[in-house]
Amino acid sequence: RELVAQISWNGVNTLYASSVKGRFTISRDNAKTT
């Protein structure tokens, strides 16, 4: 199992694995807990 993307608790910061950078986007909606 490998980590491909992560997002900070407030959604301000994101990090991506090099294999998906530029293609994948992580986001969150804390009101929807999703």
PDB file of all heavy atoms in Angstrom:
ATOM      1  N   ARG A   1       0.835  -1.180   0.000  1.00  0.00           N
ATOM      2  CA  ARG A   1       0.000   0.000   0.000  1.00  0.00           C
ATOM      3  C   ARG A   1       0.882   1.246   0.000  1.00  0.00           C
ATOM      4  O   ARG A   1       1.892   1.299   0.705  1.00  0.00           O
ATOM      5  CB  ARG A   1      -0.913  -0.011   1.235  1.00  0.00           C
ATOM      6  CG  ARG A   1      -1.897   1.145   1.293  1.00  0.00           C
ATOM      7  CD  ARG A   1      -2.922   0.925   2.392  1.00  0.00           C
ATOM      8  NE  ARG A   1      -2.284   0.704   3.670  1.00  0.00           N
ATOM      9  CZ  ARG A   1      -2.575  -0.291   4.489  1.00  0.00           C
ATOM     10  NH1 ARG A   1      -3.523  -1.167   4.163  1.00  0.00           N
ATOM     11  NH2 ARG A   1      -1.943  -0.419   5.646  1.00  0.00           N
ATOM     12  N   GLU A   2       0.522   2.225  -0.798  1.00  0.00           N
ATOM     13  CA  GLU A   2       1.304   3.440  -0.894  1.00  0.00           C
ATOM     14  C   GLU A   2       0.415   4.669  -0.728  1.00  0.00           C
ATOM     15  O   GLU A   2      -0.742   4.681  -1.141  1.00  0.00           O
ATOM     16  CB  GLU A   2       2.041   3.520  -2.230  1.00  0.00           C
ATOM     17  CG  GLU A   2       1.130   3.566  -3.443  1.00  0.00           C
ATOM     18  CD  GLU A   2       1.875   3.793  -4.748  1.00  0.00           C
ATOM     19  OE1 GLU A   2       3.009   4.318  -4.720  1.00  0.00           O
ATOM     20  OE2 GLU A   2       1.317   3.445  -5.811  1.00  0.00           O
ATOM     21  N   LEU A   3       0.976   5.695  -0.152  1.00  0.00           N
ATOM     22  CA  LEU A   3       0.285   6.968   0.006  1.00  0.00           C
ATOM     23  C   LEU A   3       0.428   7.778  -1.268  1.00  0.00           C
ATOM     24  O   LEU A   3       1.537   7.954  -1.776  1.00  0.00           O
ATOM     25  CB  LEU A   3       0.878   7.738   1.186  1.00  0.00           C
ATOM     26  CG  LEU A   3       0.315   9.128   1.468  1.00  0.00           C
ATOM     27  CD1 LEU A   3      -1.131   9.046   1.927  1.00  0.00           C
ATOM     28  CD2 LEU A   3       1.171   9.833   2.510  1.00  0.00           C
ATOM     29  N   VAL A   4      -0.682   8.285  -1.794  1.00  0.00           N
ATOM     30  CA  VAL A   4      -0.633   9.050  -3.032  1.00  0.00           C
ATOM     31  C   VAL A   4      -0.924  10.529  -2.833  1.00  0.00           C
ATOM     32  O   VAL A   4      -0.486  11.357  -3.638  1.00  0.00           O
ATOM     33  CB  VAL A   4      -1.565   8.464  -4.110  1.00  0.00           C
ATOM     34  CG1 VAL A   4      -1.139   7.047  -4.465  1.00  0.00           C
ATOM     35  CG2 VAL A   4      -3.020   8.488  -3.660  1.00  0.00           C
ATOM     36  N   ALA A   5      -1.669  10.883  -1.792  1.00  0.00           N
ATOM     37  CA  ALA A   5      -2.010  12.284  -1.568  1.00  0.00           C
ATOM     38  C   ALA A   5      -2.398  12.494  -0.117  1.00  0.00           C
ATOM     39  O   ALA A   5      -2.940  11.593   0.519  1.00  0.00           O
ATOM     40  CB  ALA A   5      -3.155  12.733  -2.477  1.00  0.00           C
ATOM     41  N   GLN A   6      -2.142  13.687   0.404  1.00  0.00           N
ATOM     42  CA  GLN A   6      -2.537  14.011   1.762  1.00  0.00           C
ATOM     43  C   GLN A   6      -2.897  15.479   1.850  1.00  0.00           C
ATOM     44  O   GLN A   6      -2.446  16.301   1.053  1.00  0.00           O
ATOM     45  CB  GLN A   6      -1.431  13.648   2.762  1.00  0.00           C
ATOM     46  CG  GLN A   6      -0.070  14.231   2.449  1.00  0.00           C
ATOM     47  CD  GLN A   6       1.033  13.634   3.303  1.00  0.00           C
ATOM     48  OE1 GLN A   6       0.992  13.730   4.540  1.00  0.00           O
ATOM     49  NE2 GLN A   6       2.010  13.009   2.658  1.00  0.00           N
ATOM     50  N   ILE A   7      -3.714  15.793   2.853  1.00  0.00           N
ATOM     51  CA  ILE A   7      -4.207  17.150   3.038  1.00  0.00           C
ATOM     52  C   ILE A   7      -4.242  17.465   4.522  1.00  0.00           C
ATOM     53  O   ILE A   7      -4.621  16.626   5.339  1.00  0.00           O
ATOM     54  CB  ILE A   7      -5.593  17.329   2.369  1.00  0.00           C
ATOM     55  CG1 ILE A   7      -6.040  18.788   2.392  1.00  0.00           C
ATOM     56  CG2 ILE A   7      -6.624  16.402   3.008  1.00  0.00           C
ATOM     57  CD1 ILE A   7      -7.238  19.054   1.470  1.00  0.00           C
ATOM     58  N   SER A   8      -3.821  18.671   4.876  1.00  0.00           N
ATOM     59  CA  SER A   8      -3.768  19.064   6.277  1.00  0.00           C
ATOM     60  C   SER A   8      -5.171  19.202   6.853  1.00  0.00           C
ATOM     61  O   SER A   8      -6.173  19.226   6.134  1.00  0.00           O
ATOM     62  CB  SER A   8      -2.997  20.375   6.423  1.00  0.00           C
ATOM     63  OG  SER A   8      -3.633  21.427   5.702  1.00  0.00           O
ATOM     64  N   TRP A   9      -5.238  19.327   8.170  1.00  0.00           N
ATOM     65  CA  TRP A   9      -6.530  19.335   8.857  1.00  0.00           C
ATOM     66  C   TRP A   9      -7.432  20.468   8.395  1.00  0.00           C
ATOM     67  O   TRP A   9      -8.663  20.321   8.394  1.00  0.00           O
ATOM     68  CB  TRP A   9      -6.320  19.416  10.370  1.00  0.00           C
ATOM     69  CG  TRP A   9      -5.756  20.741  10.819  1.00  0.00           C
ATOM     70  CD1 TRP A   9      -4.451  21.086  10.937  1.00  0.00           C
ATOM     71  CD2 TRP A   9      -6.506  21.893  11.216  1.00  0.00           C
ATOM     72  NE1 TRP A   9      -4.327  22.382  11.367  1.00  0.00           N
ATOM     73  CE2 TRP A   9      -5.583  22.904  11.552  1.00  0.00           C
ATOM     74  CE3 TRP A   9      -7.865  22.171  11.320  1.00  0.00           C
ATOM     75  CZ2 TRP A   9      -5.972  24.172  11.975  1.00  0.00           C
ATOM     76  CZ3 TRP A   9      -8.263  23.434  11.751  1.00  0.00           C
ATOM     77  CH2 TRP A   9      -7.317  24.412  12.070  1.00  0.00           C
ATOM     78  N   ASN A  10      -6.841  21.586   8.019  1.00  0.00           N
ATOM     79  CA  ASN A  10      -7.631  22.743   7.604  1.00  0.00           C
ATOM     80  C   ASN A  10      -7.735  22.877   6.084  1.00  0.00           C
ATOM     81  O   ASN A  10      -8.325  23.841   5.590  1.00  0.00           O
ATOM     82  CB  ASN A  10      -7.059  24.024   8.206  1.00  0.00           C
ATOM     83  CG  ASN A  10      -5.604  24.255   7.822  1.00  0.00           C
ATOM     84  OD1 ASN A  10      -5.033  23.533   7.010  1.00  0.00           O
ATOM     85  ND2 ASN A  10      -5.001  25.279   8.410  1.00  0.00           N
ATOM     86  N   GLY A  11      -7.160  21.935   5.345  1.00  0.00           N
ATOM     87  CA  GLY A  11      -7.248  21.950   3.900  1.00  0.00           C
ATOM     88  C   GLY A  11      -6.313  22.912   3.207  1.00  0.00           C
ATOM     89  O   GLY A  11      -6.342  23.016   1.977  1.00  0.00           O
ATOM     90  N   VAL A  12      -5.464  23.593   3.956  1.00  0.00           N
ATOM     91  CA  VAL A  12      -4.596  24.600   3.372  1.00  0.00           C
ATOM     92  C   VAL A  12      -3.415  23.977   2.634  1.00  0.00           C
ATOM     93  O   VAL A  12      -2.981  24.489   1.597  1.00  0.00           O
ATOM     94  CB  VAL A  12      -4.105  25.576   4.460  1.00  0.00           C
ATOM     95  CG1 VAL A  12      -3.019  26.504   3.924  1.00  0.00           C
ATOM     96  CG2 VAL A  12      -5.274  26.379   5.008  1.00  0.00           C
ATOM     97  N   ASN A  13      -2.894  22.885   3.154  1.00  0.00           N
ATOM     98  CA  ASN A  13      -1.683  22.279   2.614  1.00  0.00           C
ATOM     99  C   ASN A  13      -1.961  20.899   2.042  1.00  0.00           C
ATOM    100  O   ASN A  13      -2.742  20.124   2.605  1.00  0.00           O
ATOM    101  CB  ASN A  13      -0.620  22.171   3.710  1.00  0.00           C
ATOM    102  CG  ASN A  13      -0.298  23.512   4.333  1.00  0.00           C
ATOM    103  OD1 ASN A  13       0.174  24.418   3.658  1.00  0.00           O
ATOM    104  ND2 ASN A  13      -0.559  23.645   5.625  1.00  0.00           N
ATOM    105  N   THR A  14      -1.308  20.598   0.934  1.00  0.00           N
ATOM    106  CA  THR A  14      -1.435  19.290   0.303  1.00  0.00           C
ATOM    107  C   THR A  14      -0.074  18.778  -0.127  1.00  0.00           C
ATOM    108  O   THR A  14       0.845  19.559  -0.390  1.00  0.00           O
ATOM    109  CB  THR A  14      -2.363  19.334  -0.919  1.00  0.00           C
ATOM    110  OG1 THR A  14      -1.859  20.282  -1.870  1.00  0.00           O
ATOM    111  CG2 THR A  14      -3.782  19.729  -0.519  1.00  0.00           C
ATOM    112  N   LEU A  15       0.051  17.462  -0.207  1.00  0.00           N
ATOM    113  CA  LEU A  15       1.248  16.802  -0.694  1.00  0.00           C
ATOM    114  C   LEU A  15       0.842  15.633  -1.570  1.00  0.00           C
ATOM    115  O   LEU A  15      -0.178  14.990  -1.324  1.00  0.00           O
ATOM    116  CB  LEU A  15       2.114  16.293   0.468  1.00  0.00           C
ATOM    117  CG  LEU A  15       2.804  17.345   1.340  1.00  0.00           C
ATOM    118  CD1 LEU A  15       3.379  16.692   2.591  1.00  0.00           C
ATOM    119  CD2 LEU A  15       3.901  18.049   0.560  1.00  0.00           C
ATOM    120  N   TYR A  16       1.661  15.351  -2.588  1.00  0.00           N
ATOM    121  CA  TYR A  16       1.367  14.288  -3.536  1.00  0.00           C
ATOM    122  C   TYR A  16       2.591  13.441  -3.808  1.00  0.00           C
ATOM    123  O   TYR A  16       3.724  13.939  -3.811  1.00  0.00           O
ATOM    124  CB  TYR A  16       0.879  14.863  -4.865  1.00  0.00           C
ATOM    125  CG  TYR A  16      -0.374  15.687  -4.740  1.00  0.00           C
ATOM    126  CD1 TYR A  16      -0.317  17.056  -4.526  1.00  0.00           C
ATOM    127  CD2 TYR A  16      -1.628  15.082  -4.825  1.00  0.00           C
ATOM    128  CE1 TYR A  16      -1.468  17.810  -4.401  1.00  0.00           C
ATOM    129  CE2 TYR A  16      -2.783  15.833  -4.700  1.00  0.00           C
ATOM    130  CZ  TYR A  16      -2.700  17.194  -4.487  1.00  0.00           C
ATOM    131  OH  TYR A  16      -3.855  17.938  -4.363  1.00  0.00           O
ATOM    132  N   ALA A  17       2.353  12.162  -4.058  1.00  0.00           N
ATOM    133  CA  ALA A  17       3.415  11.315  -4.557  1.00  0.00           C
ATOM    134  C   ALA A  17       3.820  11.788  -5.949  1.00  0.00           C
ATOM    135  O   ALA A  17       2.993  12.292  -6.715  1.00  0.00           O
ATOM    136  CB  ALA A  17       2.959   9.860  -4.608  1.00  0.00           C
ATOM    137  N   SER A  18       5.088  11.627  -6.275  1.00  0.00           N
ATOM    138  CA  SER A  18       5.566  12.100  -7.568  1.00  0.00           C
ATOM    139  C   SER A  18       4.835  11.437  -8.731  1.00  0.00           C
ATOM    140  O   SER A  18       4.672  12.050  -9.795  1.00  0.00           O
ATOM    141  CB  SER A  18       7.073  11.859  -7.686  1.00  0.00           C
ATOM    142  OG  SER A  18       7.386  10.483  -7.577  1.00  0.00           O
ATOM    143  N   SER A  19       4.374  10.215  -8.540  1.00  0.00           N
ATOM    144  CA  SER A  19       3.712   9.484  -9.608  1.00  0.00           C
ATOM    145  C   SER A  19       2.357  10.075  -9.995  1.00  0.00           C
ATOM    146  O   SER A  19       1.859   9.797 -11.095  1.00  0.00           O
ATOM    147  CB  SER A  19       3.534   8.017  -9.213  1.00  0.00           C
ATOM    148  OG  SER A  19       2.783   7.907  -8.017  1.00  0.00           O
ATOM    149  N   VAL A  20       1.753  10.869  -9.113  1.00  0.00           N
ATOM    150  CA  VAL A  20       0.428  11.423  -9.387  1.00  0.00           C
ATOM    151  C   VAL A  20       0.410  12.943  -9.411  1.00  0.00           C
ATOM    152  O   VAL A  20      -0.619  13.536  -9.759  1.00  0.00           O
ATOM    153  CB  VAL A  20      -0.627  10.915  -8.380  1.00  0.00           C
ATOM    154  CG1 VAL A  20      -0.610   9.399  -8.304  1.00  0.00           C
ATOM    155  CG2 VAL A  20      -0.410  11.533  -6.998  1.00  0.00           C
ATOM    156  N   LYS A  21       1.508  13.576  -9.065  1.00  0.00           N
ATOM    157  CA  LYS A  21       1.552  15.033  -9.005  1.00  0.00           C
ATOM    158  C   LYS A  21       1.203  15.631 -10.365  1.00  0.00           C
ATOM    159  O   LYS A  21       1.717  15.209 -11.399  1.00  0.00           O
ATOM    160  CB  LYS A  21       2.931  15.497  -8.551  1.00  0.00           C
ATOM    161  CG  LYS A  21       3.027  16.996  -8.278  1.00  0.00           C
ATOM    162  CD  LYS A  21       4.373  17.357  -7.666  1.00  0.00           C
ATOM    163  CE  LYS A  21       4.538  16.727  -6.300  1.00  0.00           C
ATOM    164  NZ  LYS A  21       5.811  17.151  -5.646  1.00  0.00           N
ATOM    165  N   GLY A  22       0.315  16.618 -10.332  1.00  0.00           N
ATOM    166  CA  GLY A  22      -0.133  17.260 -11.548  1.00  0.00           C
ATOM    167  C   GLY A  22      -1.341  16.609 -12.174  1.00  0.00           C
ATOM    168  O   GLY A  22      -1.961  17.195 -13.076  1.00  0.00           O
ATOM    169  N   ARG A  23      -1.687  15.414 -11.726  1.00  0.00           N
ATOM    170  CA  ARG A  23      -2.843  14.697 -12.250  1.00  0.00           C
ATOM    171  C   ARG A  23      -3.957  14.533 -11.222  1.00  0.00           C
ATOM    172  O   ARG A  23      -5.131  14.540 -11.582  1.00  0.00           O
ATOM    173  CB  ARG A  23      -2.434  13.320 -12.767  1.00  0.00           C
ATOM    174  CG  ARG A  23      -1.406  13.360 -13.894  1.00  0.00           C
ATOM    175  CD  ARG A  23      -1.178  11.978 -14.491  1.00  0.00           C
ATOM    176  NE  ARG A  23      -0.630  11.042 -13.510  1.00  0.00           N
ATOM    177  CZ  ARG A  23      -1.232   9.923 -13.125  1.00  0.00           C
ATOM    178  NH1 ARG A  23      -2.415   9.583 -13.638  1.00  0.00           N
ATOM    179  NH2 ARG A  23      -0.658   9.121 -12.234  1.00  0.00           N
ATOM    180  N   PHE A  24      -3.591  14.364  -9.957  1.00  0.00           N
ATOM    181  CA  PHE A  24      -4.562  14.147  -8.883  1.00  0.00           C
ATOM    182  C   PHE A  24      -4.669  15.387  -8.012  1.00  0.00           C
ATOM    183  O   PHE A  24      -3.677  16.094  -7.796  1.00  0.00           O
ATOM    184  CB  PHE A  24      -4.144  12.975  -7.993  1.00  0.00           C
ATOM    185  CG  PHE A  24      -4.223  11.616  -8.634  1.00  0.00           C
ATOM    186  CD1 PHE A  24      -4.436  11.447  -9.995  1.00  0.00           C
ATOM    187  CD2 PHE A  24      -4.079  10.483  -7.844  1.00  0.00           C
ATOM    188  CE1 PHE A  24      -4.503  10.189 -10.566  1.00  0.00           C
ATOM    189  CE2 PHE A  24      -4.144   9.214  -8.404  1.00  0.00           C
ATOM    190  CZ  PHE A  24      -4.355   9.067  -9.753  1.00  0.00           C
ATOM    191  N   THR A  25      -5.862  15.627  -7.477  1.00  0.00           N
ATOM    192  CA  THR A  25      -6.088  16.728  -6.549  1.00  0.00           C
ATOM    193  C   THR A  25      -6.892  16.231  -5.362  1.00  0.00           C
ATOM    194  O   THR A  25      -7.996  15.700  -5.538  1.00  0.00           O
ATOM    195  CB  THR A  25      -6.835  17.889  -7.214  1.00  0.00           C
ATOM    196  OG1 THR A  25      -6.104  18.340  -8.359  1.00  0.00           O
ATOM    197  CG2 THR A  25      -6.999  19.047  -6.230  1.00  0.00           C
ATOM    198  N   ILE A  26      -6.349  16.392  -4.166  1.00  0.00           N
ATOM    199  CA  ILE A  26      -7.065  16.034  -2.950  1.00  0.00           C
ATOM    200  C   ILE A  26      -7.733  17.285  -2.387  1.00  0.00           C
ATOM    201  O   ILE A  26      -7.168  18.379  -2.440  1.00  0.00           O
ATOM    202  CB  ILE A  26      -6.124  15.382  -1.914  1.00  0.00           C
ATOM    203  CG1 ILE A  26      -6.915  14.833  -0.725  1.00  0.00           C
ATOM    204  CG2 ILE A  26      -5.032  16.341  -1.463  1.00  0.00           C
ATOM    205  CD1 ILE A  26      -6.068  13.990   0.230  1.00  0.00           C
ATOM    206  N   SER A  27      -8.934  17.124  -1.866  1.00  0.00           N
ATOM    207  CA  SER A  27      -9.649  18.225  -1.250  1.00  0.00           C
ATOM    208  C   SER A  27     -10.517  17.686  -0.128  1.00  0.00           C
ATOM    209  O   SER A  27     -10.681  16.473   0.011  1.00  0.00           O
ATOM    210  CB  SER A  27     -10.496  18.986  -2.282  1.00  0.00           C
ATOM    211  OG  SER A  27     -11.481  18.139  -2.848  1.00  0.00           O
ATOM    212  N   ARG A  28     -11.064  18.585   0.673  1.00  0.00           N
ATOM    213  CA  ARG A  28     -11.920  18.143   1.763  1.00  0.00           C
ATOM    214  C   ARG A  28     -13.013  19.154   2.017  1.00  0.00           C
ATOM    215  O   ARG A  28     -12.860  20.352   1.754  1.00  0.00           O
ATOM    216  CB  ARG A  28     -11.100  17.901   3.042  1.00  0.00           C
ATOM    217  CG  ARG A  28     -10.499  19.153   3.661  1.00  0.00           C
ATOM    218  CD  ARG A  28      -9.487  18.787   4.750  1.00  0.00           C
ATOM    219  NE  ARG A  28     -10.103  18.075   5.860  1.00  0.00           N
ATOM    220  CZ  ARG A  28      -9.442  17.339   6.745  1.00  0.00           C
ATOM    221  NH1 ARG A  28      -8.120  17.209   6.647  1.00  0.00           N
ATOM    222  NH2 ARG A  28     -10.093  16.730   7.730  1.00  0.00           N
ATOM    223  N   ASP A  29     -14.117  18.654   2.542  1.00  0.00           N
ATOM    224  CA  ASP A  29     -15.234  19.473   2.959  1.00  0.00           C
ATOM    225  C   ASP A  29     -15.525  19.087   4.396  1.00  0.00           C
ATOM    226  O   ASP A  29     -16.172  18.075   4.656  1.00  0.00           O
ATOM    227  CB  ASP A  29     -16.448  19.243   2.066  1.00  0.00           C
ATOM    228  CG  ASP A  29     -17.599  20.178   2.384  1.00  0.00           C
ATOM    229  OD1 ASP A  29     -17.694  20.667   3.520  1.00  0.00           O
ATOM    230  OD2 ASP A  29     -18.420  20.418   1.479  1.00  0.00           O
ATOM    231  N   ASN A  30     -15.024  19.874   5.323  1.00  0.00           N
ATOM    232  CA  ASN A  30     -15.154  19.516   6.728  1.00  0.00           C
ATOM    233  C   ASN A  30     -16.606  19.544   7.207  1.00  0.00           C
ATOM    234  O   ASN A  30     -16.970  18.804   8.116  1.00  0.00           O
ATOM    235  CB  ASN A  30     -14.287  20.434   7.594  1.00  0.00           C
ATOM    236  CG  ASN A  30     -12.817  20.104   7.480  1.00  0.00           C
ATOM    237  OD1 ASN A  30     -12.435  19.111   6.861  1.00  0.00           O
ATOM    238  ND2 ASN A  30     -11.974  20.938   8.072  1.00  0.00           N
ATOM    239  N   ALA A  31     -17.424  20.395   6.606  1.00  0.00           N
ATOM    240  CA  ALA A  31     -18.836  20.437   6.971  1.00  0.00           C
ATOM    241  C   ALA A  31     -19.536  19.127   6.616  1.00  0.00           C
ATOM    242  O   ALA A  31     -20.462  18.702   7.310  1.00  0.00           O
ATOM    243  CB  ALA A  31     -19.529  21.610   6.287  1.00  0.00           C
ATOM    244  N   LYS A  32     -19.098  18.489   5.531  1.00  0.00           N
ATOM    245  CA  LYS A  32     -19.649  17.205   5.111  1.00  0.00           C
ATOM    246  C   LYS A  32     -18.837  16.026   5.622  1.00  0.00           C
ATOM    247  O   LYS A  32     -19.193  14.881   5.352  1.00  0.00           O
ATOM    248  CB  LYS A  32     -19.737  17.133   3.589  1.00  0.00           C
ATOM    249  CG  LYS A  32     -20.692  18.130   2.972  1.00  0.00           C
ATOM    250  CD  LYS A  32     -20.742  17.963   1.459  1.00  0.00           C
ATOM    251  CE  LYS A  32     -21.722  18.927   0.831  1.00  0.00           C
ATOM    252  NZ  LYS A  32     -21.766  18.781  -0.651  1.00  0.00           N
ATOM    253  N   THR A  33     -17.776  16.308   6.346  1.00  0.00           N
ATOM    254  CA  THR A  33     -16.839  15.289   6.849  1.00  0.00           C
ATOM    255  C   THR A  33     -16.440  14.315   5.740  1.00  0.00           C
ATOM    256  O   THR A  33     -16.428  13.097   5.926  1.00  0.00           O
ATOM    257  CB  THR A  33     -17.404  14.533   8.071  1.00  0.00           C
ATOM    258  OG1 THR A  33     -18.549  13.752   7.707  1.00  0.00           O
ATOM    259  CG2 THR A  33     -17.771  15.503   9.175  1.00  0.00           C
ATOM    260  N   THR A  34     -16.089  14.872   4.591  1.00  0.00           N
ATOM    261  CA  THR A  34     -15.767  14.082   3.411  1.00  0.00           C
ATOM    262  C   THR A  34     -14.476  14.591   2.780  1.00  0.00           C
ATOM    263  O   THR A  34     -14.245  15.802   2.717  1.00  0.00           O
ATOM    264  CB  THR A  34     -16.903  14.140   2.377  1.00  0.00           C
ATOM    265  OG1 THR A  34     -18.106  13.634   2.966  1.00  0.00           O
ATOM    266  CG2 THR A  34     -16.571  13.307   1.150  1.00  0.00           C
TER     267      THR A  34
END
